[in-house]
Amino acid sequence: MSESHVIPFQTLSYWRNPLAWSVAALLLLAYGLPYSQPLFSALFPALSRPVYLQEPIAALMWQHIGLVLLSSSIAVILATLAGLATTSETGHAFKPTMETLAGMGQTFPPVAILAVAVPAVGFGELPALIALSIFGVLPVLQATLAGLASVPPHVIDSARAMGMAPRHILTEVQIPLALPLWLAGVRTSVAVNIGTAAIASTVGAKTLGLPIIIGLSGFNTAYVLQGAMMLGLLAIAADLAFDRIALILQGNASSAVDNQA
């Protein structure tokens, strides 16, 4: 097959990429919303202000993404380190305690955590960061523990028989095999934080929940719809991005197995 036939196929594959379409739709809505007055005026003729213009919704989107990325990073680091600590003989005894503490953090609703954090640190992004970080720990911790537990014991025994040190067994055997389950936990944690971050606008954080809250308090259905559409597209784009990451990791793992073979 000549190169002239390969290029159109690659271009066609790019245009069939749902991640690219979801990101394009998200950016189009974020930056095109100020110019959509005629559309929303036709959809909501009873509203005098059918388009949310109090603040640039694109700026709210990037602030929302930043808050989710930072809180999810904190949750992932803490949960992963706690899960890896259970692989040692000393840390294994604390495994039930870690699961209990993480479960307790998940049982508290985010609004309750925000209500407790606001008197201590004030309004703004900080209480939201604390609440989202606590709320995102459990899925990653559970996935880390499940991934490490899924490693077959005979694989670990074989690594020991080959003379591998415990540190090398962890980094070269257990972690690579546990990676798919760990990634699934990170995916769940990020998805939960994307939706939960909208509530953070109740304590002064600038997120995509702001149009929804203002719309609900002002009986403006158009604002609620616009905020919900932004949140939905952001969640879809993030989920598709994790799909792509999982495929890349799966391909790398298959290549490593083929090379060893």
Foldseek 3Di string as FASTA:
>chain_A
DDPVVVVVVVVVVVVVQVLVVLVVVLVCLQVVQVVCVVVQCVVCVVDPDLGDDPDRSNVQAVLLVVLLVLLLVLLLVVLLVLLVQCVDPVSVVCVVVVLVQLVVLQVDDLVVQLVVVCVVPNFESVSVSVSLNSNLNNLLNVLSNVQLVPQDPVVLVVCVVVVDDPVCCVVPPRCLSSVVSNLVSSLVSSLVSLVSSLVSVVRPYRHLVVLLVVCVVVVRVSSNVSSVVSSVSVSVSSNSVSVVVSVVSVVVVVVVVVVVD
